[in-house]
PDB file of N, CA and C in Angstrom:
ATOM      1  N   UNK A   1     -22.303  19.010  38.722  1.00  0.00           N
ATOM      2  CA  UNK A   1     -20.932  18.535  39.274  1.00  0.00           C
ATOM      3  C   UNK A   1     -20.809  19.175  40.772  1.00  0.00           C
ATOM      4  N   UNK A   2     -20.665  19.180  41.865  1.00  0.00           N
ATOM      5  CA  UNK A   2     -20.830  19.739  42.950  1.00  0.00           C
ATOM      6  C   UNK A   2     -19.895  20.737  42.890  1.00  0.00           C
ATOM      7  N   UNK A   3     -19.813  21.844  43.802  1.00  0.00           N
ATOM      8  CA  UNK A   3     -18.796  22.646  43.932  1.00  0.00           C
ATOM      9  C   UNK A   3     -17.742  22.550  45.022  1.00  0.00           C
ATOM     10  N   UNK A   4     -16.555  23.283  44.938  1.00  0.00           N
ATOM     11  CA  UNK A   4     -15.564  22.796  45.471  1.00  0.00           C
ATOM     12  C   UNK A   4     -15.701  23.351  47.183  1.00  0.00           C
ATOM     13  N   UNK A   5     -15.553  22.544  48.145  1.00  0.00           N
ATOM     14  CA  UNK A   5     -15.751  22.966  49.580  1.00  0.00           C
ATOM     15  C   UNK A   5     -14.439  24.264  49.776  1.00  0.00           C
ATOM     16  N   UNK A   6     -13.336  24.106  49.064  1.00  0.00           N
ATOM     17  CA  UNK A   6     -12.312  25.111  49.118  1.00  0.00           C
ATOM     18  C   UNK A   6     -12.519  26.023  48.524  1.00  0.00           C
ATOM     19  N   UNK A   7     -12.295  26.313  47.505  1.00  0.00           N
ATOM     20  CA  UNK A   7     -12.353  27.318  46.533  1.00  0.00           C
ATOM     21  C   UNK A   7     -13.841  27.922  45.921  1.00  0.00           C
ATOM     22  N   UNK A   8     -14.523  26.937  45.927  1.00  0.00           N
ATOM     23  CA  UNK A   8     -16.040  27.374  46.054  1.00  0.00           C
ATOM     24  C   UNK A   8     -16.346  27.721  44.247  1.00  0.00           C
ATOM     25  N   UNK A   9     -15.462  26.588  43.507  1.00  0.00           N
ATOM     26  CA  UNK A   9     -15.839  26.803  41.925  1.00  0.00           C
ATOM     27  C   UNK A   9     -16.499  25.495  41.613  1.00  0.00           C
ATOM     28  N   UNK A  10     -16.822  25.949  40.215  1.00  0.00           N
ATOM     29  CA  UNK A  10     -18.238  24.315  39.969  1.00  0.00           C
ATOM     30  C   UNK A  10     -17.190  23.795  38.820  1.00  0.00           C
ATOM     31  N   UNK A  11     -15.757  24.058  38.918  1.00  0.00           N
ATOM     32  CA  UNK A  11     -14.912  23.220  37.569  1.00  0.00           C
ATOM     33  C   UNK A  11     -14.683  21.813  38.307  1.00  0.00           C
ATOM     34  N   UNK A  12     -15.679  21.019  38.658  1.00  0.00           N
ATOM     35  CA  UNK A  12     -14.659  19.557  39.102  1.00  0.00           C
ATOM     36  C   UNK A  12     -15.587  18.260  38.229  1.00  0.00           C
ATOM     37  N   UNK A  13     -14.511  17.442  38.491  1.00  0.00           N
ATOM     38  CA  UNK A  13     -14.730  16.791  37.505  1.00  0.00           C
ATOM     39  C   UNK A  13     -15.049  15.422  38.792  1.00  0.00           C
ATOM     40  N   UNK A  14     -15.555  14.198  38.019  1.00  0.00           N
ATOM     41  CA  UNK A  14     -15.281  12.608  38.666  1.00  0.00           C
ATOM     42  C   UNK A  14     -14.128  12.008  38.790  1.00  0.00           C
ATOM     43  N   UNK A  15     -13.813  11.510  39.872  1.00  0.00           N
ATOM     44  CA  UNK A  15     -12.131  11.013  40.130  1.00  0.00           C
ATOM     45  C   UNK A  15     -12.123   9.904  40.959  1.00  0.00           C
ATOM     46  N   UNK A  16     -13.141   8.849  40.396  1.00  0.00           N
ATOM     47  CA  UNK A  16     -12.789   7.610  41.080  1.00  0.00           C
ATOM     48  C   UNK A  16     -13.316   7.463  42.173  1.00  0.00           C
ATOM     49  N   UNK A  17     -13.463   6.484  43.511  1.00  0.00           N
ATOM     50  CA  UNK A  17     -14.919   6.477  44.119  1.00  0.00           C
ATOM     51  C   UNK A  17     -13.851   5.876  45.398  1.00  0.00           C
ATOM     52  N   UNK A  18     -14.245   6.444  46.820  1.00  0.00           N
ATOM     53  CA  UNK A  18     -13.172   5.809  47.868  1.00  0.00           C
ATOM     54  C   UNK A  18     -13.714   4.652  48.332  1.00  0.00           C
ATOM     55  N   UNK A  19     -13.234   3.935  49.178  1.00  0.00           N
ATOM     56  CA  UNK A  19     -13.258   2.426  49.649  1.00  0.00           C
ATOM     57  C   UNK A  19     -14.544   1.820  49.995  1.00  0.00           C
ATOM     58  N   UNK A  20     -15.614   3.076  50.148  1.00  0.00           N
ATOM     59  CA  UNK A  20     -17.022   2.516  50.895  1.00  0.00           C
ATOM     60  C   UNK A  20     -17.641   2.586  49.264  1.00  0.00           C
ATOM     61  N   UNK A  21     -17.055   3.182  48.141  1.00  0.00           N
ATOM     62  CA  UNK A  21     -17.983   3.231  47.140  1.00  0.00           C
ATOM     63  C   UNK A  21     -18.374   4.270  46.788  1.00  0.00           C
ATOM     64  N   UNK A  22     -18.341   5.820  47.505  1.00  0.00           N
ATOM     65  CA  UNK A  22     -18.768   6.884  47.652  1.00  0.00           C
ATOM     66  C   UNK A  22     -17.809   7.625  46.385  1.00  0.00           C
ATOM     67  N   UNK A  23     -18.642   8.446  45.606  1.00  0.00           N
ATOM     68  CA  UNK A  23     -18.131   8.994  44.667  1.00  0.00           C
ATOM     69  C   UNK A  23     -16.959  10.445  44.881  1.00  0.00           C
ATOM     70  N   UNK A  24     -15.699  10.415  44.539  1.00  0.00           N
ATOM     71  CA  UNK A  24     -14.819  11.580  45.066  1.00  0.00           C
ATOM     72  C   UNK A  24     -14.733  12.147  43.725  1.00  0.00           C
ATOM     73  N   UNK A  25     -14.328  13.291  43.999  1.00  0.00           N
ATOM     74  CA  UNK A  25     -14.273  14.389  42.863  1.00  0.00           C
ATOM     75  C   UNK A  25     -13.068  14.968  43.416  1.00  0.00           C
ATOM     76  N   UNK A  26     -12.808  15.981  41.848  1.00  0.00           N
ATOM     77  CA  UNK A  26     -11.721  16.261  41.804  1.00  0.00           C
ATOM     78  C   UNK A  26     -11.923  18.475  41.233  1.00  0.00           C
ATOM     79  N   UNK A  27     -11.360  19.050  42.561  1.00  0.00           N
ATOM     80  CA  UNK A  27     -11.305  20.354  41.787  1.00  0.00           C
ATOM     81  C   UNK A  27     -10.276  20.774  40.597  1.00  0.00           C
ATOM     82  N   UNK A  28     -10.661  21.325  39.424  1.00  0.00           N
ATOM     83  CA  UNK A  28      -9.638  21.282  38.166  1.00  0.00           C
ATOM     84  C   UNK A  28      -9.200  22.761  38.557  1.00  0.00           C
ATOM     85  N   UNK A  29      -9.359  23.875  39.680  1.00  0.00           N
ATOM     86  CA  UNK A  29      -8.745  24.803  39.679  1.00  0.00           C
ATOM     87  C   UNK A  29      -7.838  24.895  41.066  1.00  0.00           C
ATOM     88  N   UNK A  30      -8.133  24.001  41.749  1.00  0.00           N
ATOM     89  CA  UNK A  30      -7.173  24.288  43.143  1.00  0.00           C
ATOM     90  C   UNK A  30      -6.842  22.892  43.206  1.00  0.00           C
ATOM     91  N   UNK A  31      -7.374  21.478  42.666  1.00  0.00           N
ATOM     92  CA  UNK A  31      -6.766  20.351  42.800  1.00  0.00           C
ATOM     93  C   UNK A  31      -7.176  19.657  44.287  1.00  0.00           C
ATOM     94  N   UNK A  32      -8.089  19.988  44.812  1.00  0.00           N
ATOM     95  CA  UNK A  32      -8.421  19.330  45.957  1.00  0.00           C
ATOM     96  C   UNK A  32      -9.490  18.224  45.671  1.00  0.00           C
ATOM     97  N   UNK A  33      -9.347  17.156  46.347  1.00  0.00           N
ATOM     98  CA  UNK A  33      -9.981  16.254  46.319  1.00  0.00           C
ATOM     99  C   UNK A  33     -11.090  15.806  47.294  1.00  0.00           C
ATOM    100  N   UNK A  34     -12.159  15.618  47.290  1.00  0.00           N
ATOM    101  CA  UNK A  34     -13.307  15.657  48.036  1.00  0.00           C
ATOM    102  C   UNK A  34     -14.496  14.552  47.759  1.00  0.00           C
ATOM    103  N   UNK A  35     -15.198  14.268  48.771  1.00  0.00           N
ATOM    104  CA  UNK A  35     -16.273  13.666  48.464  1.00  0.00           C
ATOM    105  C   UNK A  35     -17.750  14.241  49.024  1.00  0.00           C
ATOM    106  N   UNK A  36     -18.599  14.275  47.960  1.00  0.00           N
ATOM    107  CA  UNK A  36     -19.802  15.284  48.481  1.00  0.00           C
ATOM    108  C   UNK A  36     -20.151  15.417  50.011  1.00  0.00           C
ATOM    109  N   UNK A  37     -20.711  14.682  50.433  1.00  0.00           N
ATOM    110  CA  UNK A  37     -21.425  14.076  51.347  1.00  0.00           C
ATOM    111  C   UNK A  37     -20.563  13.213  52.253  1.00  0.00           C
ATOM    112  N   UNK A  38     -19.842  13.938  53.125  1.00  0.00           N
ATOM    113  CA  UNK A  38     -18.523  12.959  53.884  1.00  0.00           C
ATOM    114  C   UNK A  38     -19.291  12.388  55.282  1.00  0.00           C
ATOM    115  N   UNK A  39     -19.169  11.559  55.737  1.00  0.00           N
ATOM    116  CA  UNK A  39     -19.234  10.945  57.105  1.00  0.00           C
ATOM    117  C   UNK A  39     -18.256  10.898  58.014  1.00  0.00           C
ATOM    118  N   UNK A  40     -18.017  11.723  58.577  1.00  0.00           N
ATOM    119  CA  UNK A  40     -16.768  11.810  59.767  1.00  0.00           C
ATOM    120  C   UNK A  40     -17.198  11.031  61.067  1.00  0.00           C
ATOM    121  N   UNK A  41     -16.415  10.169  61.085  1.00  0.00           N
ATOM    122  CA  UNK A  41     -16.578   9.090  62.405  1.00  0.00           C
ATOM    123  C   UNK A  41     -15.798   9.204  63.251  1.00  0.00           C
ATOM    124  N   UNK A  42     -15.909   9.675  64.232  1.00  0.00           N
ATOM    125  CA  UNK A  42     -14.583   9.981  65.348  1.00  0.00           C
ATOM    126  C   UNK A  42     -14.845   8.713  65.959  1.00  0.00           C
ATOM    127  N   UNK A  43     -13.700   8.446  67.139  1.00  0.00           N
ATOM    128  CA  UNK A  43     -13.139   7.110  67.559  1.00  0.00           C
ATOM    129  C   UNK A  43     -13.258   7.789  69.086  1.00  0.00           C
ATOM    130  N   UNK A  44     -14.121   7.238  70.256  1.00  0.00           N
ATOM    131  CA  UNK A  44     -14.321   7.761  70.905  1.00  0.00           C
ATOM    132  C   UNK A  44     -12.976   7.262  72.474  1.00  0.00           C
ATOM    133  N   UNK A  45     -12.481   8.006  73.457  1.00  0.00           N
ATOM    134  CA  UNK A  45     -11.696   7.919  74.348  1.00  0.00           C
ATOM    135  C   UNK A  45     -11.343   6.491  74.658  1.00  0.00           C
ATOM    136  N   UNK A  46     -12.176   5.705  74.825  1.00  0.00           N
ATOM    137  CA  UNK A  46     -12.575   4.234  75.653  1.00  0.00           C
ATOM    138  C   UNK A  46     -11.668   3.611  74.546  1.00  0.00           C
ATOM    139  N   UNK A  47     -12.405   3.703  73.230  1.00  0.00           N
ATOM    140  CA  UNK A  47     -11.808   2.953  71.953  1.00  0.00           C
ATOM    141  C   UNK A  47     -10.364   2.994  71.544  1.00  0.00           C
ATOM    142  N   UNK A  48      -9.997   4.446  72.126  1.00  0.00           N
ATOM    143  CA  UNK A  48      -8.573   4.575  71.787  1.00  0.00           C
ATOM    144  C   UNK A  48      -7.787   4.342  73.115  1.00  0.00           C
ATOM    145  N   UNK A  49      -8.169   3.928  74.051  1.00  0.00           N
ATOM    146  CA  UNK A  49      -7.143   3.633  74.991  1.00  0.00           C
ATOM    147  C   UNK A  49      -7.095   2.185  75.038  1.00  0.00           C
ATOM    148  N   UNK A  50      -8.134   1.390  74.616  1.00  0.00           N
ATOM    149  CA  UNK A  50      -8.120  -0.048  74.258  1.00  0.00           C
ATOM    150  C   UNK A  50      -7.139  -0.220  73.227  1.00  0.00           C
ATOM    151  N   UNK A  51      -7.150   0.782  71.803  1.00  0.00           N
ATOM    152  CA  UNK A  51      -6.182   0.235  71.173  1.00  0.00           C
ATOM    153  C   UNK A  51      -4.573   0.536  71.171  1.00  0.00           C
ATOM    154  N   UNK A  52      -4.464   1.690  72.540  1.00  0.00           N
ATOM    155  CA  UNK A  52      -3.109   1.804  73.097  1.00  0.00           C
ATOM    156  C   UNK A  52      -2.724   0.520  73.894  1.00  0.00           C
ATOM    157  N   UNK A  53      -3.471  -0.124  74.626  1.00  0.00           N
ATOM    158  CA  UNK A  53      -2.984  -0.709  75.538  1.00  0.00           C
ATOM    159  C   UNK A  53      -2.814  -2.267  74.596  1.00  0.00           C
ATOM    160  N   UNK A  54      -3.372  -2.418  73.500  1.00  0.00           N
ATOM    161  CA  UNK A  54      -3.230  -3.324  72.557  1.00  0.00           C
ATOM    162  C   UNK A  54      -2.033  -3.373  71.436  1.00  0.00           C
ATOM    163  N   UNK A  55      -1.611  -2.297  71.717  1.00  0.00           N
ATOM    164  CA  UNK A  55      -0.404  -2.126  70.839  1.00  0.00           C
ATOM    165  C   UNK A  55       1.056  -2.422  71.397  1.00  0.00           C
TER     166      UNK A  55
END
């Protein structure tokens, strides 16, 4: 099992999947839920402006 990114313990268990199908894990020590290799996609300023105009 992967190490918890918050408390660094190895006491983690599988805890379902996220919407993209990646495995989600739960830390048994601190309760933090995480994905082992997350992809942080950011929205650029132009797209944010377009969304604001549409709303």
